[in-house]
């Protein structure tokens, strides 16, 4: 008799469990915590068999006592606590959504993890069609029609509303401002395409499309061409585009700490993309949660903690800082002058021999305490761009001496159309006029650091 009672109770419990599972079938859930353990049973006493991550969409196949039975991407099933799930009635939460790439280059892989092979790449500003998610990765549809996986850490997700008519809708009918002195307009989206025109710093361009980090722009002639998105600051073309960032736009800020990290997003969890230094003036174009979005000298944007930036209006300048700048400039010129006659040696950074960027690295570090990057190419990506007509002593002049149009040389401007530089092997540190035909043709741009 007792055996029958026990058997009856066991069957009743099983029936109750099964009916509860069926009630939640055909549902999906979104993970709301950073990392959620997947267990072999409905309780913390069961072993961990996998993990899911914030934002992942899970297929729910059952529930029991506040736990949900889910189906993993590998086909296996497991249990997760319902306290960390947002439950919905269908599996379309991430399907048919658009995402925007937030890092310079993002690998597209054959599966949801870094162990899978790279099958393609997408670039900052690209709009991707998200068709699924798993373990913190998004499954995206490529322009070829194939699908691949990208890390969700570098994709900002938004809904694909009815009025998003094309992949380029986010940049169509927008205006952009050129942020570098001269920007090549090419026949296609890449440096391998021919140059068909040029635009210049401050020019406003009409953006009609984007691809792989390049913007398709409409020229004044009515023709279209492509420019690198790294050197175009994009804004909406609407008459009164109000945004969360309008309170700090067009403001200047001064860095108040020795070295301040510039990050890819508004928080310390984002990657470091550059650095700014004490006394640097930065152009603030937005703000979020105690962080300022700033425009770098390269034209790119990044985020810095507002705790270390003192804000002032963009109009006017303080007379107090001008004398300090003059003193720094003189210190740079004086130390550079002392190096005249020392031999050029490739890779040398002083004190008795130099290559071109080794000289600038040595002088700035020892004259004014500024640590520049070591190569001319990297140095050219820092500082504030200044026009040739606005050159001041202490500015760095970047040139292309190898005919490629890329930075290959750097010198220190000392005034009177002269620079001090370490020219080439077999030569010595010397003064050179920059207004002769050779240096006029080689000149690319100049940067200011003080």
Protein backbone atom coordinates (compact mmCIF):
# COMPACT_ATOMS: atom_id res chain seq x y z
CA UNK A 1 0.00 0.00 0.00
CA UNK A 2 2.81 2.39 0.91
CA UNK A 3 4.57 1.60 -2.36
CA UNK A 4 1.42 2.55 -4.29
CA UNK A 5 1.16 5.87 -2.44
CA UNK A 6 4.80 6.71 -3.14
CA UNK A 7 4.44 5.76 -6.81
CA UNK A 8 1.29 7.85 -7.08
CA UNK A 9 2.98 10.88 -5.53
CA UNK A 10 5.99 10.48 -7.85
CA UNK A 11 3.83 10.31 -10.95
CA UNK A 12 1.80 13.34 -9.82
CA UNK A 13 4.99 15.37 -9.26
CA UNK A 14 6.31 14.39 -12.66
CA UNK A 15 3.05 15.38 -14.30
CA UNK A 16 3.13 18.73 -12.50
CA UNK A 17 6.72 19.31 -13.61
CA UNK A 18 5.93 18.46 -17.21
CA UNK A 19 2.86 20.66 -17.35
CA UNK A 20 4.88 23.59 -16.01
CA UNK A 21 7.49 23.09 -18.73
CA UNK A 22 4.89 22.95 -21.48
CA UNK A 23 3.37 26.20 -20.29
CA UNK A 24 6.54 28.12 -21.07
CA UNK A 25 7.40 26.46 -24.38
CA UNK A 26 7.99 28.63 -27.48
CA UNK A 27 9.33 31.46 -25.33
CA UNK A 28 12.64 33.28 -25.45
CA UNK A 29 14.60 35.07 -22.75
CA UNK A 30 17.31 37.70 -22.66
CA UNK A 31 20.13 37.46 -20.10
CA UNK A 32 20.20 40.54 -17.85
CA UNK A 33 23.38 39.89 -15.83
CA UNK A 34 27.01 39.96 -16.98
CA UNK A 35 27.62 36.21 -16.68
CA UNK A 36 24.98 33.58 -15.93
CA UNK A 37 25.83 29.98 -15.06
CA UNK A 38 24.06 27.21 -16.96
CA UNK A 39 23.60 24.16 -14.70
CA UNK A 40 22.69 20.52 -15.22
CA UNK A 41 19.57 20.91 -13.07
CA UNK A 42 17.19 23.47 -11.60
CA UNK A 43 19.19 24.63 -8.60
CA UNK A 44 22.58 25.94 -7.44
CA UNK A 45 23.46 22.49 -6.10
CA UNK A 46 23.77 21.21 -9.68
CA UNK A 47 27.08 21.42 -11.54
CA UNK A 48 27.91 24.25 -14.00
CA UNK A 49 28.00 23.00 -17.58
CA UNK A 50 28.25 26.29 -19.49
CA UNK A 51 27.82 30.04 -19.22
CA UNK A 52 25.70 32.66 -21.03
CA UNK A 53 26.22 36.40 -21.12
CA UNK A 54 24.38 39.70 -20.86
CA UNK A 55 22.24 40.36 -23.92
CA UNK A 56 22.21 36.74 -25.11
CA UNK A 57 18.86 35.52 -26.41
CA UNK A 58 17.96 32.04 -25.14
CA UNK A 59 15.34 29.57 -26.30
CA UNK A 60 13.24 28.55 -23.30
CA UNK A 61 11.87 25.02 -23.36
CA UNK A 62 10.67 24.70 -19.78
CA UNK A 63 10.66 26.01 -16.23
CA UNK A 64 10.68 24.66 -12.67
CA UNK A 65 10.72 26.44 -9.31
CA UNK A 66 12.01 29.75 -10.69
CA UNK A 67 14.54 28.13 -13.02
CA UNK A 68 14.32 27.93 -16.79
CA UNK A 69 15.34 25.03 -18.99
CA UNK A 70 17.11 26.51 -22.03
CA UNK A 71 18.54 25.21 -25.28
CA UNK A 72 22.16 26.14 -25.98
CA UNK A 73 23.68 26.90 -29.40
CA UNK A 74 25.36 23.48 -29.43
CA UNK A 75 21.97 21.76 -29.05
CA UNK A 76 22.44 20.77 -25.42
CA UNK A 77 19.97 21.87 -22.73
CA UNK A 78 20.62 23.29 -19.27
CA UNK A 79 19.07 25.31 -16.47
CA UNK A 80 19.47 29.00 -15.52
CA UNK A 81 18.03 31.09 -12.70
CA UNK A 82 14.95 33.06 -13.77
CA UNK A 83 16.09 35.97 -11.59
CA UNK A 84 18.49 37.02 -14.34
CA UNK A 85 16.27 36.62 -17.38
CA UNK A 86 13.83 38.88 -19.17
CA UNK A 87 11.17 36.59 -20.65
CA UNK A 88 9.30 37.26 -23.89
CA UNK A 89 6.91 35.29 -26.05
CA UNK A 90 8.93 34.81 -29.23
CA UNK A 91 12.44 34.40 -30.48
CA UNK A 92 12.67 37.63 -32.48
CA UNK A 93 14.40 39.76 -29.84
CA UNK A 94 17.68 40.08 -31.71
CA UNK A 95 16.57 39.04 -35.17
CA UNK A 96 16.02 41.78 -37.74
CA UNK A 97 17.98 44.25 -35.65
CA UNK A 98 20.66 46.59 -36.85
CA UNK A 99 23.97 47.12 -35.13
CA UNK A 100 26.72 49.69 -35.58
CA UNK A 101 30.38 48.71 -35.27
CA UNK A 102 32.11 50.79 -32.55
CA UNK A 103 35.76 49.74 -32.97
CA UNK A 104 38.17 50.49 -35.83
CA UNK A 105 38.34 46.92 -37.16
CA UNK A 106 36.19 44.01 -35.99
CA UNK A 107 36.91 40.41 -36.97
CA UNK A 108 34.02 38.34 -38.33
CA UNK A 109 34.47 34.71 -37.32
CA UNK A 110 32.99 31.40 -38.39
CA UNK A 111 31.61 30.78 -34.89
CA UNK A 112 30.77 32.50 -31.60
CA UNK A 113 34.25 32.76 -30.06
CA UNK A 114 37.85 33.80 -30.65
CA UNK A 115 38.83 30.18 -31.29
CA UNK A 116 36.94 30.24 -34.59
CA UNK A 117 38.62 31.30 -37.85
CA UNK A 118 38.38 34.87 -39.20
CA UNK A 119 36.27 34.90 -42.37
CA UNK A 120 35.91 38.65 -42.90
CA UNK A 121 36.22 42.06 -41.24
CA UNK A 122 33.84 44.98 -40.59
CA UNK A 123 34.83 48.51 -39.69
CA UNK A 124 33.91 51.39 -37.40
CA UNK A 125 30.59 52.95 -38.38
CA UNK A 126 29.48 49.98 -40.49
CA UNK A 127 25.84 48.96 -40.07
CA UNK A 128 25.38 45.21 -39.69
CA UNK A 129 22.21 43.10 -39.81
CA UNK A 130 22.00 40.97 -36.64
CA UNK A 131 20.23 37.65 -37.11
CA UNK A 132 21.08 35.93 -33.83
CA UNK A 133 23.22 35.86 -30.68
CA UNK A 134 25.10 33.42 -28.49
CA UNK A 135 27.43 33.77 -25.49
CA UNK A 136 27.98 37.50 -25.96
CA UNK A 137 28.47 37.22 -29.73
CA UNK A 138 26.19 38.42 -32.52
CA UNK A 139 25.49 36.48 -35.68
CA UNK A 140 25.50 38.97 -38.57
CA UNK A 141 24.65 38.83 -42.23
CA UNK A 142 27.44 39.98 -44.53
CA UNK A 143 26.95 41.87 -47.79
CA UNK A 144 27.81 38.65 -49.65
CA UNK A 145 24.80 36.96 -48.08
CA UNK A 146 26.97 34.77 -45.87
CA UNK A 147 26.72 34.92 -42.08
CA UNK A 148 29.41 35.20 -39.42
CA UNK A 149 29.92 36.04 -35.76
CA UNK A 150 31.26 39.19 -34.10
CA UNK A 151 31.88 40.08 -30.45
CA UNK A 152 28.90 41.94 -28.98
CA UNK A 153 31.32 44.16 -27.03
CA UNK A 154 32.00 46.17 -30.18
CA UNK A 155 28.49 46.46 -31.65
CA UNK A 156 25.89 49.02 -30.60
CA UNK A 157 22.47 47.49 -31.25
CA UNK A 158 19.33 49.34 -32.38
CA UNK A 159 16.00 48.24 -33.79
CA UNK A 160 15.48 47.86 -37.54
CA UNK A 161 12.45 50.07 -37.85
CA UNK A 162 10.45 50.24 -41.05
CA UNK A 163 12.03 53.44 -42.22
CA UNK A 164 15.59 52.07 -42.31
CA UNK A 165 15.61 51.63 -46.06
CA UNK A 166 19.19 50.49 -46.58
CA UNK A 167 22.43 49.47 -44.89
CA UNK A 168 23.72 53.00 -45.38
CA UNK A 169 20.65 54.75 -43.96
CA UNK A 170 22.53 55.78 -40.84
CA UNK A 171 24.84 58.01 -42.84
CA UNK A 172 22.68 59.01 -45.80
CA UNK A 173 21.65 62.67 -46.00
CA UNK A 174 24.15 63.56 -43.31
CA UNK A 175 26.74 66.28 -43.34
CA UNK A 176 30.38 65.73 -42.50
CA UNK A 177 33.23 68.12 -41.79
CA UNK A 178 36.76 67.36 -42.97
CA UNK A 179 39.16 67.28 -40.00
CA UNK A 180 42.54 66.96 -41.75
CA UNK A 181 44.38 69.51 -43.91
CA UNK A 182 43.95 67.64 -47.21
CA UNK A 183 41.82 64.54 -47.74
CA UNK A 184 41.98 62.46 -50.91
CA UNK A 185 38.69 61.62 -52.63
CA UNK A 186 38.97 58.22 -54.30
CA UNK A 187 36.98 56.31 -56.90
CA UNK A 188 36.25 53.51 -54.41
CA UNK A 189 36.22 52.67 -50.70
CA UNK A 190 39.94 52.02 -50.12
CA UNK A 191 43.44 53.39 -50.64
CA UNK A 192 43.93 51.09 -53.64
CA UNK A 193 41.46 53.18 -55.67
CA UNK A 194 42.57 56.17 -57.74
CA UNK A 195 42.43 59.75 -56.42
CA UNK A 196 39.76 61.72 -58.29
CA UNK A 197 39.67 64.89 -56.20
CA UNK A 198 40.65 66.44 -52.86
CA UNK A 199 38.75 68.13 -50.03
CA UNK A 200 40.26 70.28 -47.32
CA UNK A 201 40.05 70.92 -43.58
CA UNK A 202 36.77 72.58 -42.61
CA UNK A 203 34.99 71.61 -45.84
CA UNK A 204 31.42 70.39 -45.36
CA UNK A 205 30.62 67.30 -47.41
CA UNK A 206 27.30 65.61 -48.15
CA UNK A 207 27.51 61.92 -47.13
CA UNK A 208 25.36 59.61 -49.24
CA UNK A 209 26.65 56.21 -48.14
CA UNK A 210 29.28 54.23 -46.23
CA UNK A 211 31.28 51.04 -46.59
CA UNK A 212 34.08 49.50 -44.52
CA UNK A 213 34.96 52.71 -42.68
CA UNK A 214 34.76 54.92 -45.78
CA UNK A 215 32.14 57.55 -46.62
CA UNK A 216 30.66 58.07 -50.06
CA UNK A 217 30.37 61.83 -50.60
CA UNK A 218 28.81 64.05 -53.22
CA UNK A 219 31.19 66.55 -54.78
CA UNK A 220 30.27 70.08 -55.88
CA UNK A 221 30.44 68.86 -59.49
CA UNK A 222 27.64 66.41 -58.75
CA UNK A 223 29.96 63.42 -59.00
CA UNK A 224 30.48 61.09 -56.05
CA UNK A 225 33.66 59.72 -54.48
CA UNK A 226 34.94 58.01 -51.35
CA UNK A 227 36.89 59.39 -48.39
CA UNK A 228 38.29 57.75 -45.26
CA UNK A 229 35.84 58.06 -42.36
CA UNK A 230 38.78 58.58 -39.98
CA UNK A 231 39.06 62.18 -41.13
CA UNK A 232 35.39 63.20 -41.31
CA UNK A 233 33.35 64.34 -38.32
CA UNK A 234 29.73 63.40 -39.00
CA UNK A 235 26.65 65.33 -37.88
CA UNK A 236 22.97 65.20 -38.78
CA UNK A 237 21.68 67.32 -41.65
CA UNK A 238 18.45 68.17 -39.84
CA UNK A 239 17.81 71.80 -38.94
CA UNK A 240 17.67 71.33 -35.21
CA UNK A 241 19.20 68.00 -34.32
CA UNK A 242 18.86 68.06 -30.54
CA UNK A 243 20.79 65.40 -28.65
CA UNK A 244 21.98 64.44 -25.20
CA UNK A 245 25.38 65.89 -26.01
CA UNK A 246 24.35 69.47 -26.87
CA UNK A 247 25.20 70.85 -23.43
CA UNK A 248 28.94 70.33 -23.94
CA UNK A 249 29.33 70.53 -27.72
CA UNK A 250 31.76 73.12 -29.09
CA UNK A 251 33.45 73.52 -25.72
CA UNK A 252 37.13 73.37 -24.96
CA UNK A 253 38.61 71.46 -22.06
CA UNK A 254 42.06 71.38 -20.51
CA UNK A 255 43.58 68.13 -19.21
CA UNK A 256 44.47 68.44 -15.52
CA UNK A 257 46.36 65.17 -14.90
CA UNK A 258 49.77 64.06 -16.20
CA UNK A 259 48.42 61.37 -18.54
CA UNK A 260 44.75 60.73 -19.34
CA UNK A 261 43.58 57.64 -21.19
CA UNK A 262 41.29 58.13 -24.18
CA UNK A 263 38.92 55.17 -24.48
CA UNK A 264 36.62 53.78 -27.16
CA UNK A 265 33.56 54.28 -24.93
CA UNK A 266 32.33 56.10 -21.84
CA UNK A 267 33.80 53.88 -19.11
CA UNK A 268 36.96 52.17 -17.86
CA UNK A 269 35.80 48.85 -19.33
CA UNK A 270 36.40 50.20 -22.85
CA UNK A 271 39.76 49.81 -24.61
CA UNK A 272 42.41 52.58 -24.56
CA UNK A 273 42.77 54.08 -28.04
CA UNK A 274 45.03 57.06 -27.26
CA UNK A 275 46.35 59.31 -24.49
CA UNK A 276 46.28 63.05 -23.78
CA UNK A 277 48.51 64.90 -21.38
CA UNK A 278 48.44 67.64 -18.74
CA UNK A 279 47.80 71.05 -20.26
CA UNK A 280 46.47 69.65 -23.55
CA UNK A 281 43.41 71.45 -24.90
CA UNK A 282 40.72 69.09 -26.14
CA UNK A 283 37.61 69.75 -28.21
CA UNK A 284 34.57 68.34 -26.39
CA UNK A 285 31.79 67.14 -28.68
CA UNK A 286 29.59 65.22 -26.24
CA UNK A 287 29.15 63.80 -22.74
CA UNK A 288 27.71 60.74 -21.02
CA UNK A 289 27.70 59.60 -17.39
CA UNK A 290 30.63 61.71 -16.25
CA UNK A 291 32.69 61.14 -19.40
CA UNK A 292 33.48 63.59 -22.20
CA UNK A 293 33.58 62.64 -25.86
CA UNK A 294 36.54 64.45 -27.40
CA UNK A 295 37.84 64.92 -30.91
CA UNK A 296 41.44 63.81 -31.36
CA UNK A 297 43.98 65.52 -33.62
CA UNK A 298 43.60 62.63 -36.08
CA UNK A 299 39.91 63.50 -36.48
CA UNK A 300 38.79 60.40 -34.62
CA UNK A 301 36.78 60.66 -31.40
CA UNK A 302 37.22 59.02 -28.00
CA UNK A 303 36.10 59.30 -24.37
CA UNK A 304 37.89 60.66 -21.30
CA UNK A 305 36.89 60.89 -17.64
CA UNK A 306 35.51 64.36 -16.90
CA UNK A 307 37.21 64.24 -13.48
CA UNK A 308 40.45 65.23 -15.15
CA UNK A 309 39.22 67.85 -17.62
CA UNK A 310 38.60 71.50 -16.78
CA UNK A 311 35.94 72.98 -19.07
CA UNK A 312 35.97 76.46 -20.51
CA UNK A 313 34.14 78.19 -23.34
CA UNK A 314 35.58 77.86 -26.83
CA UNK A 315 35.68 81.64 -27.20
CA UNK A 316 38.73 83.55 -26.08
CA UNK A 317 41.96 82.38 -24.46
CA UNK A 318 43.79 83.12 -21.24
CA UNK A 319 46.81 85.40 -21.42
CA UNK A 320 48.35 83.53 -18.50
CA UNK A 321 48.99 80.39 -20.53
CA UNK A 322 50.58 82.19 -23.48
CA UNK A 323 53.79 83.04 -21.63
CA UNK A 324 54.11 79.46 -20.38
CA UNK A 325 53.70 78.22 -23.94
CA UNK A 326 56.36 80.64 -25.16
CA UNK A 327 58.78 79.42 -22.49
CA UNK A 328 58.18 75.78 -23.47
CA UNK A 329 58.67 76.57 -27.15
CA UNK A 330 61.97 78.29 -26.42
CA UNK A 331 63.11 75.33 -24.33
CA UNK A 332 62.37 73.01 -27.27
CA UNK A 333 64.21 75.23 -29.75
CA UNK A 334 67.20 75.66 -27.41
CA UNK A 335 67.64 71.93 -26.80
CA UNK A 336 67.15 71.10 -30.49
CA UNK A 337 69.80 73.67 -31.41
CA UNK A 338 72.30 71.99 -29.07
CA UNK A 339 71.98 68.77 -31.08
CA UNK A 340 73.10 70.35 -34.37
CA UNK A 341 76.05 68.49 -35.88
CA UNK A 342 75.34 65.13 -34.21
CA UNK A 343 75.25 62.17 -36.62
CA UNK A 344 72.14 60.50 -37.98
CA UNK A 345 71.84 56.85 -36.92
CA UNK A 346 68.69 54.93 -37.70
CA UNK A 347 66.85 53.91 -34.52
CA UNK A 348 68.89 56.25 -32.27
CA UNK A 349 67.22 58.59 -29.81
CA UNK A 350 70.20 60.42 -28.30
CA UNK A 351 72.03 61.79 -26.64
CA UNK A 352 74.89 61.55 -29.16
CA UNK A 353 73.13 60.21 -32.29
CA UNK A 354 69.58 60.46 -33.65
CA UNK A 355 67.18 59.48 -36.36
CA UNK A 356 64.44 62.00 -37.25
CA UNK A 357 61.80 60.86 -34.74
CA UNK A 358 64.48 59.99 -32.18
CA UNK A 359 65.49 63.66 -32.19
CA UNK A 360 61.93 64.93 -31.62
CA UNK A 361 61.33 62.23 -28.99
CA UNK A 362 64.52 63.22 -27.12
CA UNK A 363 63.97 66.98 -27.30
CA UNK A 364 60.34 66.97 -26.18
CA UNK A 365 60.99 64.54 -23.34
CA UNK A 366 63.99 66.42 -21.97
CA UNK A 367 62.95 70.01 -22.73
CA UNK A 368 59.30 70.01 -21.66
CA UNK A 369 58.61 66.55 -20.19
CA UNK A 370 56.33 65.42 -23.04
CA UNK A 371 56.67 61.75 -24.03
CA UNK A 372 55.92 61.49 -27.72
CA UNK A 373 55.40 58.16 -29.51
CA UNK A 374 58.68 56.86 -30.88
CA UNK A 375 58.09 56.88 -34.66
CA UNK A 376 57.24 59.76 -36.99
CA UNK A 377 54.07 57.97 -38.13
CA UNK A 378 52.77 57.57 -34.58
CA UNK A 379 53.87 61.09 -33.61
CA UNK A 380 51.85 62.44 -36.52
CA UNK A 381 48.69 60.95 -34.99
CA UNK A 382 48.99 62.98 -31.77
CA UNK A 383 48.98 66.67 -30.96
CA UNK A 384 46.77 69.37 -32.49
CA UNK A 385 46.87 69.97 -36.24
CA UNK A 386 47.90 73.50 -37.24
CA UNK A 387 47.98 75.08 -40.66
CA UNK A 388 51.28 75.90 -42.32
CA UNK A 389 50.49 79.59 -42.15
CA UNK A 390 50.03 79.29 -38.37
CA UNK A 391 53.31 77.52 -37.58
CA UNK A 392 54.99 78.48 -34.30
CA UNK A 393 58.36 77.49 -32.83
CA UNK A 394 58.09 74.08 -31.18
CA UNK A 395 55.59 72.69 -33.70
CA UNK A 396 56.46 69.46 -35.48
CA UNK A 397 56.47 69.31 -39.28
CA UNK A 398 55.59 65.99 -40.93
CA UNK A 399 56.67 65.21 -44.46
CA UNK A 400 56.62 62.44 -47.05
CA UNK A 401 60.19 62.04 -48.25
CA UNK A 402 59.69 58.70 -50.00
CA UNK A 403 57.02 59.71 -52.52
CA UNK A 404 54.26 57.58 -50.99
CA UNK A 405 52.21 60.44 -49.57
CA UNK A 406 52.56 58.87 -46.11
CA UNK A 407 54.50 60.26 -43.15
CA UNK A 408 58.18 59.29 -43.35
CA UNK A 409 59.95 62.27 -41.75
CA UNK A 410 59.56 64.77 -38.91
CA UNK A 411 61.37 67.98 -37.97
CA UNK A 412 61.08 70.71 -35.30
CA UNK A 413 59.95 74.12 -36.53
CA UNK A 414 62.08 76.89 -34.98
CA UNK A 415 60.67 79.96 -36.76
CA UNK A 416 61.81 81.99 -39.77
CA UNK A 417 60.75 79.18 -42.15
CA UNK A 418 63.36 76.85 -40.64
CA UNK A 419 63.32 73.46 -38.96
CA UNK A 420 65.90 71.42 -37.09
CA UNK A 421 65.91 67.77 -38.11
CA UNK A 422 67.98 64.63 -38.56
CA UNK A 423 67.72 64.16 -42.34
CA UNK A 424 69.14 60.76 -43.37
CA UNK A 425 71.98 58.24 -42.97
CA UNK A 426 75.38 59.84 -43.60
CA UNK A 427 74.08 63.27 -42.59
CA UNK A 428 73.90 65.20 -39.32
CA UNK A 429 71.32 67.13 -37.31
CA UNK A 430 70.97 70.50 -39.03
CA UNK A 431 68.85 73.57 -39.73
CA UNK A 432 66.95 73.52 -43.02
CA UNK A 433 64.72 76.02 -44.81
CA UNK A 434 61.24 74.57 -45.33
CA UNK A 435 60.14 76.99 -48.06
CA UNK A 436 62.27 75.49 -50.86
CA UNK A 437 60.66 73.40 -53.58
CA UNK A 438 61.70 70.03 -52.11
CA UNK A 439 60.23 70.57 -48.66
CA UNK A 440 57.20 72.39 -50.06
CA UNK A 441 56.34 69.27 -52.07
CA UNK A 442 57.15 66.87 -49.24
CA UNK A 443 55.14 68.78 -46.61
CA UNK A 444 52.06 66.96 -45.27
CA UNK A 445 50.94 68.73 -42.07
CA UNK A 446 52.11 70.12 -38.73
CA UNK A 447 51.19 69.34 -35.13
CA UNK A 448 51.31 71.36 -31.91
CA UNK A 449 51.90 69.81 -28.49
CA UNK A 450 52.35 72.80 -26.16
